[in-house]
């Protein structure tokens, strides 16, 4: 039989454990959303760099192709630098994009990712 001093203690324990589980679930959710935002930014940077590298050797500025691809993937182009060979047929491109992510309880954050892609010369 439960004594008078212990009556209702199970309710306190259930409330405490439920609160702890709720906090842990919130932290895991925010962490998962942050990782997802980082992956989205990295994908946008990779695709923008590949689009710019595909324009190497075709004339014009390779970086002109990076901006629309980054925007199509929800990111903005922060910088793009093309390092071309003397003949302009090979080189590499370094792209940096920024993605704005909203994390519940934390607010808006900027996620920055960079990627490098290149095109070798034809023999």
C-alpha atoms as a PDB file:
ATOM      1  CA  UNK A   1       0.000   0.000   0.000  1.00  0.00           C
ATOM      2  CA  UNK A   2       1.280   3.469  -0.872  1.00  0.00           C
ATOM      3  CA  UNK A   3       1.768   5.844   2.004  1.00  0.00           C
ATOM      4  CA  UNK A   4       0.277   9.336   2.090  1.00  0.00           C
ATOM      5  CA  UNK A   5       3.654  10.967   1.301  1.00  0.00           C
ATOM      6  CA  UNK A   6       4.081   9.042  -1.960  1.00  0.00           C
ATOM      7  CA  UNK A   7       0.641   9.651  -3.425  1.00  0.00           C
ATOM      8  CA  UNK A   8       0.919  11.382  -6.843  1.00  0.00           C
ATOM      9  CA  UNK A   9       4.668  10.854  -7.246  1.00  0.00           C
ATOM     10  CA  UNK A  10       4.152   8.778 -10.423  1.00  0.00           C
ATOM     11  CA  UNK A  11       2.468  11.778 -12.049  1.00  0.00           C
ATOM     12  CA  UNK A  12       5.502  13.925 -11.290  1.00  0.00           C
ATOM     13  CA  UNK A  13       7.829  11.317 -12.804  1.00  0.00           C
ATOM     14  CA  UNK A  14       5.689  10.946 -15.928  1.00  0.00           C
ATOM     15  CA  UNK A  15       5.625  14.736 -16.352  1.00  0.00           C
ATOM     16  CA  UNK A  16       9.405  15.031 -15.869  1.00  0.00           C
ATOM     17  CA  UNK A  17      10.244  12.228 -18.323  1.00  0.00           C
ATOM     18  CA  UNK A  18       7.743  13.542 -20.884  1.00  0.00           C
ATOM     19  CA  UNK A  19       9.272  17.018 -20.652  1.00  0.00           C
ATOM     20  CA  UNK A  20      12.761  15.599 -21.100  1.00  0.00           C
ATOM     21  CA  UNK A  21      11.670  13.602 -24.153  1.00  0.00           C
ATOM     22  CA  UNK A  22      10.047  16.698 -25.634  1.00  0.00           C
ATOM     23  CA  UNK A  23      13.246  18.729 -25.224  1.00  0.00           C
ATOM     24  CA  UNK A  24      15.378  15.966 -26.746  1.00  0.00           C
ATOM     25  CA  UNK A  25      12.984  15.647 -29.689  1.00  0.00           C
ATOM     26  CA  UNK A  26      13.174  19.409 -30.260  1.00  0.00           C
ATOM     27  CA  UNK A  27      16.971  19.419 -30.225  1.00  0.00           C
ATOM     28  CA  UNK A  28      17.130  16.460 -32.615  1.00  0.00           C
ATOM     29  CA  UNK A  29      14.670  18.167 -34.974  1.00  0.00           C
ATOM     30  CA  UNK A  30      16.633  21.435 -35.065  1.00  0.00           C
ATOM     31  CA  UNK A  31      19.892  19.552 -35.581  1.00  0.00           C
ATOM     32  CA  UNK A  32      18.364  17.533 -38.419  1.00  0.00           C
ATOM     33  CA  UNK A  33      17.091  20.686 -40.122  1.00  0.00           C
ATOM     34  CA  UNK A  34      20.542  22.283 -39.822  1.00  0.00           C
ATOM     35  CA  UNK A  35      22.189  19.251 -41.447  1.00  0.00           C
ATOM     36  CA  UNK A  36      19.565  19.276 -44.191  1.00  0.00           C
ATOM     37  CA  UNK A  37      20.253  22.967 -44.887  1.00  0.00           C
ATOM     38  CA  UNK A  38      23.981  22.267 -45.087  1.00  0.00           C
ATOM     39  CA  UNK A  39      23.415  19.433 -47.567  1.00  0.00           C
ATOM     40  CA  UNK A  40      21.150  21.625 -49.699  1.00  0.00           C
ATOM     41  CA  UNK A  41      23.793  24.375 -49.767  1.00  0.00           C
ATOM     42  CA  UNK A  42      26.525  21.896 -50.703  1.00  0.00           C
ATOM     43  CA  UNK A  43      24.379  20.480 -53.510  1.00  0.00           C
ATOM     44  CA  UNK A  44      23.655  23.957 -54.850  1.00  0.00           C
ATOM     45  CA  UNK A  45      27.378  24.796 -54.783  1.00  0.00           C
ATOM     46  CA  UNK A  46      28.302  21.541 -56.538  1.00  0.00           C
ATOM     47  CA  UNK A  47      25.758  22.049 -59.300  1.00  0.00           C
ATOM     48  CA  UNK A  48      26.702  25.709 -59.799  1.00  0.00           C
ATOM     49  CA  UNK A  49      30.397  24.795 -60.035  1.00  0.00           C
ATOM     50  CA  UNK A  50      29.668  22.055 -62.559  1.00  0.00           C
ATOM     51  CA  UNK A  51      27.572  24.422 -64.660  1.00  0.00           C
ATOM     52  CA  UNK A  52      30.353  26.998 -64.660  1.00  0.00           C
ATOM     53  CA  UNK A  53      33.025  24.394 -65.461  1.00  0.00           C
ATOM     54  CA  UNK A  54      30.945  23.125 -68.380  1.00  0.00           C
ATOM     55  CA  UNK A  55      31.214  26.609 -69.928  1.00  0.00           C
ATOM     56  CA  UNK A  56      35.029  26.591 -69.876  1.00  0.00           C
ATOM     57  CA  UNK A  57      36.367  26.606 -73.416  1.00  0.00           C
ATOM     58  CA  UNK A  58      33.071  27.629 -74.991  1.00  0.00           C
ATOM     59  CA  UNK A  59      33.708  31.367 -74.872  1.00  0.00           C
ATOM     60  CA  UNK A  60      32.217  33.910 -72.551  1.00  0.00           C
ATOM     61  CA  UNK A  61      32.392  34.017 -68.782  1.00  0.00           C
ATOM     62  CA  UNK A  62      32.050  30.605 -67.132  1.00  0.00           C
ATOM     63  CA  UNK A  63      30.677  32.168 -63.942  1.00  0.00           C
ATOM     64  CA  UNK A  64      27.613  33.491 -65.779  1.00  0.00           C
ATOM     65  CA  UNK A  65      26.147  29.981 -65.701  1.00  0.00           C
ATOM     66  CA  UNK A  66      26.630  29.512 -61.955  1.00  0.00           C
ATOM     67  CA  UNK A  67      24.167  32.143 -60.700  1.00  0.00           C
ATOM     68  CA  UNK A  68      20.969  30.791 -62.286  1.00  0.00           C
ATOM     69  CA  UNK A  69      21.798  27.226 -61.228  1.00  0.00           C
ATOM     70  CA  UNK A  70      22.411  28.304 -57.625  1.00  0.00           C
ATOM     71  CA  UNK A  71      19.148  30.272 -57.627  1.00  0.00           C
ATOM     72  CA  UNK A  72      17.232  27.308 -59.047  1.00  0.00           C
ATOM     73  CA  UNK A  73      18.428  25.303 -56.046  1.00  0.00           C
ATOM     74  CA  UNK A  74      17.353  27.892 -53.480  1.00  0.00           C
ATOM     75  CA  UNK A  75      20.754  29.502 -52.907  1.00  0.00           C
ATOM     76  CA  UNK A  76      22.424  32.722 -53.898  1.00  0.00           C
ATOM     77  CA  UNK A  77      25.792  33.012 -55.589  1.00  0.00           C
ATOM     78  CA  UNK A  78      28.203  34.728 -53.192  1.00  0.00           C
ATOM     79  CA  UNK A  79      31.330  34.469 -55.340  1.00  0.00           C
ATOM     80  CA  UNK A  80      32.685  32.754 -58.395  1.00  0.00           C
ATOM     81  CA  UNK A  81      36.290  32.721 -59.562  1.00  0.00           C
ATOM     82  CA  UNK A  82      37.461  31.106 -62.766  1.00  0.00           C
ATOM     83  CA  UNK A  83      41.147  30.234 -63.232  1.00  0.00           C
ATOM     84  CA  UNK A  84      41.656  29.458 -66.893  1.00  0.00           C
ATOM     85  CA  UNK A  85      44.699  28.262 -68.785  1.00  0.00           C
ATOM     86  CA  UNK A  86      46.408  30.580 -71.278  1.00  0.00           C
ATOM     87  CA  UNK A  87      44.461  29.145 -74.211  1.00  0.00           C
ATOM     88  CA  UNK A  88      41.147  29.315 -72.304  1.00  0.00           C
ATOM     89  CA  UNK A  89      40.241  25.698 -73.027  1.00  0.00           C
ATOM     90  CA  UNK A  90      40.917  24.288 -69.567  1.00  0.00           C
ATOM     91  CA  UNK A  91      40.865  25.473 -66.009  1.00  0.00           C
ATOM     92  CA  UNK A  92      38.864  25.361 -62.817  1.00  0.00           C
ATOM     93  CA  UNK A  93      36.091  27.294 -61.151  1.00  0.00           C
ATOM     94  CA  UNK A  94      35.618  27.967 -57.432  1.00  0.00           C
ATOM     95  CA  UNK A  95      32.028  28.789 -56.451  1.00  0.00           C
ATOM     96  CA  UNK A  96      30.692  29.926 -53.077  1.00  0.00           C
ATOM     97  CA  UNK A  97      26.938  29.992 -52.412  1.00  0.00           C
ATOM     98  CA  UNK A  98      24.814  31.091 -49.474  1.00  0.00           C
ATOM     99  CA  UNK A  99      21.509  29.537 -48.433  1.00  0.00           C
ATOM    100  CA  UNK A 100      19.143  31.130 -45.923  1.00  0.00           C
ATOM    101  CA  UNK A 101      17.685  28.556 -43.525  1.00  0.00           C
ATOM    102  CA  UNK A 102      15.061  29.063 -40.824  1.00  0.00           C
ATOM    103  CA  UNK A 103      15.534  26.877 -37.767  1.00  0.00           C
ATOM    104  CA  UNK A 104      12.687  26.727 -35.229  1.00  0.00           C
ATOM    105  CA  UNK A 105      13.690  28.243 -31.917  1.00  0.00           C
ATOM    106  CA  UNK A 106      16.992  29.468 -33.340  1.00  0.00           C
ATOM    107  CA  UNK A 107      15.832  31.763 -36.144  1.00  0.00           C
ATOM    108  CA  UNK A 108      17.243  32.448 -39.574  1.00  0.00           C
ATOM    109  CA  UNK A 109      20.780  31.406 -40.338  1.00  0.00           C
ATOM    110  CA  UNK A 110      22.993  31.646 -43.401  1.00  0.00           C
ATOM    111  CA  UNK A 111      24.626  28.454 -44.594  1.00  0.00           C
ATOM    112  CA  UNK A 112      27.677  28.955 -46.822  1.00  0.00           C
ATOM    113  CA  UNK A 113      29.112  26.212 -49.020  1.00  0.00           C
ATOM    114  CA  UNK A 114      31.800  26.157 -51.668  1.00  0.00           C
ATOM    115  CA  UNK A 115      32.689  23.796 -54.481  1.00  0.00           C
ATOM    116  CA  UNK A 116      35.397  23.497 -57.083  1.00  0.00           C
ATOM    117  CA  UNK A 117      35.082  21.978 -60.532  1.00  0.00           C
ATOM    118  CA  UNK A 118      37.361  21.928 -63.509  1.00  0.00           C
ATOM    119  CA  UNK A 119      37.765  20.982 -67.090  1.00  0.00           C
ATOM    120  CA  UNK A 120      40.952  19.528 -68.479  1.00  0.00           C
ATOM    121  CA  UNK A 121      42.303  20.391 -71.884  1.00  0.00           C
ATOM    122  CA  UNK A 122      41.776  18.082 -74.827  1.00  0.00           C
ATOM    123  CA  UNK A 123      44.912  16.389 -76.184  1.00  0.00           C
END
